[in-house]
Amino acid sequence: MPFIERDITATIRDFRAWFPIVYLGGPRQSGKTTLLRHLLPELPYASLEDADARQRAEEDPRRFLNSFPQGAILDEAQRVPELFNYLQGLVDADKNRRFVLSGSQNFLLMERITQSLAGRVGVLNLLPLSLREIEKDHPAPTLEAFAWQGGYPALYGERAVPPEFYFDSYIQTYLERDLRLLKNVGDLSQFGKFMRLCAGRVGQPLNLSTLANDTGVAVNTIKAWLSVLEASYLIFKLPPYFENFNKRIIKAPKIYFFDTGLLCNLLGIGSVAQLERHHYFGNIVENALIVEWYKKRANAGKRPKFWYWQDQQGNEIDLLIEENGVLNAIEIKSSQTYNERLTKGLRRWGELSGAGPERRFLVYAGEQEGELEAGYLLPWRKGVERL
C-alpha cells in the first residue's frame, strides 16, 4: 500500500531536535514502524520482537547499543527493559547519538521511561489514521462509513483487508499475544467478554460495580483490566468536569475507544447500514468525533485537555476542550436535522458557567451552519477542522 503522509511527521522532527530520545507510542498496527522507517531511513532499525535481536540485547545490552554509534530505531523496546538502564549514559556521553523508541504497550514502556530517562525523552503517540490523513489518498468517507471502518492503516489501500476479518484477527492477536506480556490478566476468554462489555458502555458514565457483576470478576480486577486496555491504547477515559459545580454532578469518567472500527466489531456491527440502525449509533458517532479532536492534538505533541459535563437532571456537554485557559463546549449529535431541542445542554452550560455563545458549539451530521442563540451550529466535517 502507498505510504500515507502522517500529520505527526513535523512534530517528530521537532522532538528529534529537542530530545536525545523520542518515544513514539500508540496501538499495535497504527503505523509506527512504517512511519519511522520512512521518516528516518538513515537510522538503523531493530525490532525487539525479533527473537535474535532480543537475545543479543538481553545477553549484552551495552554491546547491543554500542553497535549503533549514531543511534537507532528500537521497536517494541519494552521487551528488553534492561536497555533503559544504559540509554541514559550513552546519550549523555555523546550528544550526537540519538535513539527513537517505539512500542504498543504504554504501561511497560512509560514505567521504564519515568525511572531511567526522565528529562531526556520526548513522548508522542501515533493513533490510527485521522479523517484528514485518510482523505489525502482516498475519497472522503461519509460520517457513518468512517465511524464503522475506523482508521487502522491496513483497512486502506489497494490490498485493504475487509474490516470484519481485520478486527477479528486483531482482537485474537491482542488476546493471545499482547496480553500475556501485561499484568493482571488470567482468563483470556473472560477478558474478551470484558472488552465487549466495555464496548457496550461507550459514552456512558462508568459504573465499576455493574461492569464487575456483568463480567463475573471483582471490582479491583475490573480496575486492573481497564488499566491494561488504556496501556494498550485501545480505550481512554474522559473525566468529568466539576470545577465550581459541586451539586448533583455526575463524577464518574466515561469510556471511549481510540478506534470506532474496533468498537463496532466488538458490538457485532457488520456493516454501515447496521450501524445506522444500531441503538448505540449516537454514542459511536460521538466517540468518532471526540477521537478526531484527540488525534489532532496528539499529532501536534499536545496532551489533550478534555472533559465532559453532566448533571443528574440530564443536562450534558459531550466534550469540553481547554485551549489557552479557555473552555470550548461541544455538543455532538448524530441527527442530520437541526432542532432547537438539541441545544438544551449548551444553554444550561451557558447559564451555569457564563460561557458566551462564541464558546459553545453544536456539531451534527447535517449540512447547515450558522450562529445560534445557544452557540454555533457546525456540520461534522467543519467541526473536525475548526475545533
Protein backbone atom coordinates (compact mmCIF):
# COMPACT_ATOMS: atom_id res chain seq x y z
CA MET A 1 0.00 0.00 0.00
CA PRO A 2 1.31 3.53 -0.73
CA PHE A 3 2.72 5.44 2.23
CA ILE A 4 0.22 7.83 3.80
CA GLU A 5 1.86 11.03 5.00
CA ARG A 6 1.06 11.30 8.69
CA ASP A 7 0.17 14.56 10.40
CA ILE A 8 2.57 13.84 13.28
CA THR A 9 5.63 13.96 10.98
CA ALA A 10 6.60 17.60 11.65
CA THR A 11 6.19 17.06 15.40
CA ILE A 12 8.54 14.07 15.35
CA ARG A 13 11.16 16.17 13.55
CA ASP A 14 10.80 18.92 16.18
CA PHE A 15 11.09 16.44 19.05
CA ARG A 16 14.17 14.88 17.45
CA ALA A 17 15.83 18.31 17.57
CA TRP A 18 14.82 18.88 21.18
CA PHE A 19 15.33 15.48 22.82
CA PRO A 20 18.11 12.86 22.52
CA ILE A 21 15.47 10.14 22.77
CA VAL A 22 11.99 10.19 21.25
CA TYR A 23 9.37 7.66 22.25
CA LEU A 24 6.55 7.00 19.78
CA GLY A 25 3.73 5.01 21.35
CA GLY A 26 0.33 4.02 20.10
CA PRO A 27 -1.79 0.95 19.48
CA ARG A 28 -0.42 -2.03 17.60
CA GLN A 29 -0.70 -1.63 13.80
CA SER A 30 -1.31 2.12 13.92
CA GLY A 31 1.62 2.63 11.54
CA LYS A 32 4.50 3.47 13.91
CA THR A 33 7.14 1.26 12.26
CA THR A 34 6.16 2.25 8.73
CA LEU A 35 6.27 5.94 9.63
CA LEU A 36 9.61 5.84 11.45
CA ARG A 37 11.40 3.82 8.78
CA HIS A 38 10.06 6.14 6.08
CA LEU A 39 10.88 9.31 8.02
CA LEU A 40 14.32 8.25 9.33
CA PRO A 41 15.89 6.00 6.67
CA GLU A 42 19.39 6.94 7.88
CA LEU A 43 18.84 5.27 11.27
CA PRO A 44 19.38 1.51 11.70
CA TYR A 45 16.25 -0.36 12.71
CA ALA A 46 15.96 -3.20 15.24
CA SER A 47 12.76 -4.90 16.32
CA LEU A 48 13.00 -6.40 19.78
CA GLU A 49 10.11 -8.69 18.95
CA ASP A 50 12.63 -10.49 16.75
CA ALA A 51 13.99 -13.38 18.84
CA ASP A 52 17.60 -12.99 17.68
CA ALA A 53 17.74 -9.24 18.29
CA ARG A 54 16.05 -9.64 21.65
CA GLN A 55 18.53 -12.33 22.71
CA ARG A 56 21.51 -10.15 21.79
CA ALA A 57 20.05 -7.20 23.67
CA GLU A 58 19.26 -9.27 26.76
CA GLU A 59 22.60 -11.04 26.95
CA ASP A 60 24.79 -7.97 26.38
CA PRO A 61 22.78 -4.74 26.36
CA ARG A 62 25.85 -2.49 26.29
CA ARG A 63 27.33 -4.23 23.24
CA PHE A 64 23.92 -4.22 21.54
CA LEU A 65 23.53 -0.44 21.95
CA ASN A 66 27.15 0.23 21.03
CA SER A 67 26.50 -1.42 17.67
CA PHE A 68 24.53 1.75 16.84
CA PRO A 69 27.13 4.56 17.11
CA GLN A 70 24.78 7.14 15.55
CA GLY A 71 21.66 5.87 17.29
CA ALA A 72 18.82 3.66 16.05
CA ILE A 73 15.10 2.97 15.93
CA LEU A 74 14.34 0.37 18.60
CA ASP A 75 10.90 -1.11 18.02
CA GLU A 76 8.90 -2.69 20.89
CA ALA A 77 11.66 -1.59 23.24
CA GLN A 78 9.70 -2.63 26.34
CA ARG A 79 10.56 -6.25 25.51
CA VAL A 80 14.11 -5.66 26.84
CA PRO A 81 13.75 -3.31 29.83
CA GLU A 82 17.47 -3.63 30.68
CA LEU A 83 18.27 -1.34 27.76
CA PHE A 84 16.81 1.66 29.55
CA ASN A 85 19.47 1.44 32.24
CA TYR A 86 22.16 2.08 29.61
CA LEU A 87 20.48 4.54 27.25
CA GLN A 88 20.74 7.47 29.64
CA GLY A 89 24.52 7.18 29.92
CA LEU A 90 25.00 6.75 26.18
CA VAL A 91 23.09 9.86 25.13
CA ASP A 92 24.61 11.91 27.96
CA ALA A 93 28.13 10.94 26.84
CA ASP A 94 27.52 11.54 23.14
CA LYS A 95 25.19 14.37 22.16
CA ASN A 96 25.14 13.16 18.54
CA ARG A 97 23.80 9.73 19.40
CA ARG A 98 20.01 9.80 19.26
CA PHE A 99 17.53 6.99 19.62
CA VAL A 100 13.88 6.57 18.72
CA LEU A 101 11.90 4.08 20.78
CA SER A 102 8.52 2.75 19.77
CA GLY A 103 6.05 0.41 21.38
CA SER A 104 2.43 -0.59 21.74
CA GLN A 105 2.38 -1.25 25.49
CA ASN A 106 2.44 2.07 27.26
CA PHE A 107 2.33 0.53 30.74
CA LEU A 108 5.68 -1.22 30.37
CA LEU A 109 7.47 1.50 28.43
CA MET A 110 6.37 4.52 30.44
CA GLU A 111 7.30 2.81 33.70
CA ARG A 112 10.89 2.50 32.45
CA ILE A 113 10.98 5.95 30.88
CA THR A 114 9.88 7.54 34.15
CA GLN A 115 12.53 5.68 36.11
CA SER A 116 15.50 5.90 33.75
CA LEU A 117 15.04 8.59 31.11
CA ALA A 118 13.17 11.45 32.75
CA GLY A 119 14.07 14.75 31.09
CA ARG A 120 15.80 13.07 28.14
CA VAL A 121 12.84 11.71 26.24
CA GLY A 122 10.07 13.37 24.27
CA VAL A 123 6.86 11.34 24.36
CA LEU A 124 4.48 11.16 21.39
CA ASN A 125 1.63 8.85 20.41
CA LEU A 126 0.58 7.76 16.93
CA LEU A 127 -3.09 6.84 16.78
CA PRO A 128 -4.94 5.26 13.83
CA LEU A 129 -5.43 7.41 10.74
CA SER A 130 -7.35 10.63 11.17
CA LEU A 131 -10.03 11.71 8.73
CA ARG A 132 -7.63 14.29 7.30
CA GLU A 133 -4.96 11.63 6.72
CA ILE A 134 -7.39 9.24 5.04
CA GLU A 135 -8.62 11.95 2.69
CA LYS A 136 -5.09 12.63 1.41
CA ASP A 137 -5.22 9.46 -0.71
CA HIS A 138 -8.83 8.24 -0.57
CA PRO A 139 -12.30 9.58 -1.33
CA ALA A 140 -13.87 11.44 1.56
CA PRO A 141 -15.91 8.93 3.58
CA THR A 142 -19.34 9.63 4.98
CA LEU A 143 -19.58 10.06 8.73
CA GLU A 144 -21.27 6.67 9.01
CA ALA A 145 -18.64 4.88 6.89
CA PHE A 146 -15.78 6.49 8.77
CA ALA A 147 -17.28 5.61 12.16
CA TRP A 148 -17.84 1.99 11.09
CA GLN A 149 -14.46 1.36 9.45
CA GLY A 150 -12.20 3.37 11.73
CA GLY A 151 -8.65 4.39 10.89
CA TYR A 152 -6.26 1.45 11.04
CA PRO A 153 -3.93 1.77 8.00
CA ALA A 154 -4.37 -1.87 6.91
CA LEU A 155 -8.00 -1.07 6.04
CA TYR A 156 -6.95 1.38 3.32
CA GLY A 157 -5.09 0.97 0.04
CA GLU A 158 -5.08 -1.48 -2.84
CA ARG A 159 -4.71 -4.53 -0.59
CA ALA A 160 -7.04 -3.34 2.13
CA VAL A 161 -8.27 -6.04 4.49
CA PRO A 162 -12.07 -6.17 4.95
CA PRO A 163 -12.85 -4.75 8.40
CA GLU A 164 -14.67 -7.82 9.70
CA PHE A 165 -11.63 -10.05 9.02
CA TYR A 166 -9.11 -7.47 10.15
CA PHE A 167 -10.65 -6.80 13.54
CA ASP A 168 -11.39 -10.44 14.32
CA SER A 169 -7.69 -11.16 13.75
CA TYR A 170 -6.61 -8.04 15.63
CA ILE A 171 -8.59 -8.95 18.73
CA GLN A 172 -7.43 -12.57 18.66
CA THR A 173 -3.79 -11.50 18.33
CA TYR A 174 -4.20 -8.97 21.12
CA LEU A 175 -5.74 -11.52 23.47
CA GLU A 176 -3.30 -14.33 22.72
CA ARG A 177 -0.04 -12.39 22.39
CA ASP A 178 -0.03 -8.90 23.83
CA LEU A 179 -1.96 -9.64 27.00
CA ARG A 180 0.47 -12.34 28.04
CA LEU A 181 3.13 -9.61 28.40
CA LEU A 182 0.93 -7.47 30.63
CA LYS A 183 -0.15 -7.81 34.22
CA ASN A 184 -3.37 -8.91 35.90
CA VAL A 185 -4.89 -10.99 33.10
CA GLY A 186 -5.70 -14.65 33.66
CA ASP A 187 -8.68 -16.00 31.72
CA LEU A 188 -8.39 -14.62 28.17
CA SER A 189 -11.94 -15.60 27.17
CA GLN A 190 -13.28 -13.73 30.17
CA PHE A 191 -11.16 -10.72 29.22
CA GLY A 192 -12.66 -10.87 25.71
CA LYS A 193 -16.11 -10.73 27.28
CA PHE A 194 -14.95 -7.76 29.35
CA MET A 195 -13.85 -5.92 26.18
CA ARG A 196 -17.29 -6.43 24.62
CA LEU A 197 -18.98 -5.20 27.79
CA CYS A 198 -16.80 -2.08 27.71
CA ALA A 199 -17.91 -1.50 24.13
CA GLY A 200 -21.50 -1.68 25.33
CA ARG A 201 -20.80 1.16 27.76
CA VAL A 202 -19.18 3.57 25.32
CA GLY A 203 -20.01 7.19 26.01
CA GLN A 204 -21.67 6.40 29.34
CA PRO A 205 -20.53 7.19 32.91
CA LEU A 206 -18.56 4.21 34.15
CA ASN A 207 -20.09 2.06 36.91
CA LEU A 208 -17.34 -0.29 38.08
CA SER A 209 -19.64 -2.43 40.24
CA THR A 210 -22.09 -3.12 37.42
CA LEU A 211 -19.27 -3.89 34.99
CA ALA A 212 -17.70 -6.25 37.53
CA ASN A 213 -21.00 -8.07 38.10
CA ASP A 214 -21.64 -8.44 34.38
CA THR A 215 -18.10 -9.71 33.75
CA GLY A 216 -18.09 -12.03 36.77
CA VAL A 217 -14.95 -10.67 38.44
CA ALA A 218 -14.07 -8.40 41.36
CA VAL A 219 -14.10 -4.60 41.10
CA ASN A 220 -10.33 -4.47 41.66
CA THR A 221 -9.88 -6.81 38.69
CA ILE A 222 -12.01 -4.50 36.54
CA LYS A 223 -9.82 -1.56 37.56
CA ALA A 224 -6.69 -3.51 36.62
CA TRP A 225 -8.17 -4.66 33.30
CA LEU A 226 -9.24 -1.12 32.40
CA SER A 227 -5.64 -0.05 33.01
CA VAL A 228 -4.50 -2.79 30.63
CA LEU A 229 -6.83 -1.53 27.87
CA GLU A 230 -5.59 2.02 28.45
CA ALA A 231 -1.96 0.87 28.41
CA SER A 232 -2.59 -0.87 25.08
CA TYR A 233 -4.06 2.32 23.59
CA LEU A 234 -7.43 0.67 22.98
CA ILE A 235 -9.52 2.90 25.26
CA PHE A 236 -9.23 6.16 27.13
CA LYS A 237 -11.25 7.62 29.98
CA LEU A 238 -12.90 11.00 29.58
CA PRO A 239 -13.01 12.58 33.06
CA PRO A 240 -15.96 14.64 34.31
CA TYR A 241 -15.65 18.37 34.75
CA PHE A 242 -16.99 19.52 38.09
CA GLU A 243 -14.89 22.56 38.95
CA ASN A 244 -17.14 25.19 40.53
CA PHE A 245 -20.15 22.84 40.25
CA ASN A 246 -20.46 20.72 43.38
CA LYS A 247 -24.15 19.84 43.47
CA ARG A 248 -25.75 16.89 41.72
CA ILE A 249 -22.97 16.49 39.13
CA ILE A 250 -22.04 13.13 37.65
CA LYS A 251 -18.45 12.42 38.70
CA ALA A 252 -17.68 9.06 37.05
CA PRO A 253 -15.47 9.03 33.92
CA LYS A 254 -16.72 7.84 30.53
CA ILE A 255 -15.06 5.20 28.35
CA TYR A 256 -14.21 5.82 24.70
CA PHE A 257 -12.29 3.73 22.17
CA PHE A 258 -9.34 5.08 20.22
CA ASP A 259 -10.80 3.45 17.09
CA THR A 260 -14.50 3.13 16.33
CA GLY A 261 -13.89 0.36 13.79
CA LEU A 262 -12.69 -1.84 16.64
CA LEU A 263 -15.61 -0.61 18.75
CA CYS A 264 -18.13 -1.58 16.06
CA ASN A 265 -16.57 -5.03 15.72
CA LEU A 266 -16.83 -5.64 19.47
CA LEU A 267 -20.50 -4.63 19.29
CA GLY A 268 -21.10 -7.05 16.40
CA ILE A 269 -21.93 -4.29 13.89
CA GLY A 270 -21.15 -5.81 10.50
CA SER A 271 -21.98 -3.01 8.05
CA VAL A 272 -22.61 0.72 7.71
CA ALA A 273 -26.34 0.05 7.28
CA GLN A 274 -26.39 -1.94 10.51
CA LEU A 275 -24.55 0.86 12.30
CA GLU A 276 -27.15 3.42 11.24
CA ARG A 277 -29.91 1.26 12.77
CA HIS A 278 -27.97 0.41 15.91
CA HIS A 279 -29.17 1.78 19.24
CA TYR A 280 -25.60 2.93 20.01
CA PHE A 281 -25.31 4.87 16.76
CA GLY A 282 -25.27 8.25 18.53
CA ASN A 283 -22.66 7.08 21.04
CA ILE A 284 -20.43 5.72 18.27
CA VAL A 285 -20.62 8.96 16.25
CA GLU A 286 -19.83 10.88 19.44
CA ASN A 287 -16.82 8.59 20.01
CA ALA A 288 -15.59 9.02 16.41
CA LEU A 289 -15.61 12.83 16.58
CA ILE A 290 -14.09 13.08 20.06
CA VAL A 291 -11.21 10.88 18.90
CA GLU A 292 -10.68 13.09 15.85
CA TRP A 293 -10.16 16.10 18.10
CA TYR A 294 -7.92 13.96 20.32
CA LYS A 295 -5.78 12.90 17.32
CA LYS A 296 -5.36 16.49 16.17
CA ARG A 297 -3.79 17.43 19.49
CA ALA A 298 -1.76 14.24 19.90
CA ASN A 299 -0.30 14.73 16.40
CA ALA A 300 0.82 18.20 17.47
CA GLY A 301 2.57 16.78 20.53
CA LYS A 302 0.00 18.15 22.96
CA ARG A 303 -1.73 16.35 25.78
CA PRO A 304 -5.46 16.83 25.16
CA LYS A 305 -7.27 18.63 27.97
CA PHE A 306 -10.70 17.04 27.57
CA TRP A 307 -13.65 16.62 29.91
CA TYR A 308 -17.38 16.06 29.76
CA TRP A 309 -20.07 17.58 31.97
CA GLN A 310 -23.36 16.06 33.04
CA ASP A 311 -25.81 16.69 35.85
CA GLN A 312 -28.45 14.42 37.33
CA GLN A 313 -31.23 16.26 35.51
CA GLY A 314 -29.94 15.03 32.15
CA ASN A 315 -28.21 18.25 31.08
CA GLU A 316 -24.95 17.35 29.38
CA ILE A 317 -21.98 18.62 27.38
CA ASP A 318 -20.32 15.82 25.42
CA LEU A 319 -16.90 17.46 25.31
CA LEU A 320 -15.16 20.38 26.99
CA ILE A 321 -11.81 21.33 25.43
CA GLU A 322 -9.44 23.69 27.18
CA GLU A 323 -7.36 25.82 24.83
CA ASN A 324 -5.12 28.55 26.27
CA GLY A 325 -7.04 28.57 29.53
CA VAL A 326 -10.46 28.89 27.82
CA LEU A 327 -13.11 26.16 27.68
CA ASN A 328 -14.98 25.37 24.48
CA ALA A 329 -18.18 23.38 25.00
CA ILE A 330 -19.14 20.93 22.24
CA GLU A 331 -22.38 19.00 21.96
CA ILE A 332 -22.37 16.20 19.36
CA LYS A 333 -25.50 14.90 17.64
CA SER A 334 -25.88 12.16 15.02
CA SER A 335 -29.06 13.78 13.70
CA GLN A 336 -28.99 15.27 10.19
CA THR A 337 -31.79 17.69 11.11
CA TYR A 338 -31.30 20.70 13.35
CA ASN A 339 -33.83 21.24 16.11
CA GLU A 340 -33.63 23.74 18.94
CA ARG A 341 -34.05 20.89 21.44
CA LEU A 342 -30.52 19.78 20.52
CA THR A 343 -29.12 22.88 22.24
CA LYS A 344 -30.58 22.14 25.70
CA GLY A 345 -27.22 21.19 27.21
CA LEU A 346 -25.41 24.13 25.65
CA ARG A 347 -27.96 26.58 27.00
CA ARG A 348 -27.74 25.14 30.51
CA TRP A 349 -23.93 25.17 30.35
CA GLY A 350 -24.01 28.83 29.37
CA GLU A 351 -26.24 29.66 32.33
CA LEU A 352 -24.02 27.83 34.83
CA SER A 353 -20.56 28.69 33.51
CA GLY A 354 -21.14 32.11 31.99
CA ALA A 355 -19.53 30.94 28.74
CA GLY A 356 -20.66 33.08 25.83
CA PRO A 357 -22.18 31.60 22.65
CA GLU A 358 -18.82 32.01 20.87
CA ARG A 359 -17.51 29.21 23.16
CA ARG A 360 -20.41 26.83 22.59
CA PHE A 361 -20.76 24.56 19.56
CA LEU A 362 -23.33 22.10 18.28
CA VAL A 363 -21.64 19.67 15.87
CA TYR A 364 -24.09 17.44 14.00
CA ALA A 365 -24.49 15.20 10.95
CA GLY A 366 -26.38 17.75 8.87
CA GLU A 367 -25.24 20.46 6.44
CA GLN A 368 -26.47 23.74 7.92
CA GLU A 369 -24.04 26.15 9.51
CA GLY A 370 -24.54 29.37 11.38
CA GLU A 371 -24.88 31.30 14.61
CA LEU A 372 -27.48 30.23 17.15
CA GLU A 373 -28.65 31.87 20.35
CA ALA A 374 -27.17 28.89 22.22
CA GLY A 375 -23.86 28.82 20.31
CA TYR A 376 -22.68 27.93 16.82
CA LEU A 377 -24.02 25.20 14.54
CA LEU A 378 -21.37 23.25 12.62
CA PRO A 379 -21.61 20.33 10.17
CA TRP A 380 -19.48 17.46 11.49
CA ARG A 381 -16.69 17.80 8.94
CA LYS A 382 -16.26 21.53 9.60
CA GLY A 383 -16.41 20.81 13.31
CA VAL A 384 -13.48 18.42 12.97
CA GLU A 385 -11.48 21.02 11.06
CA ARG A 386 -12.29 24.02 13.24
CA LEU A 387 -12.21 22.72 16.81
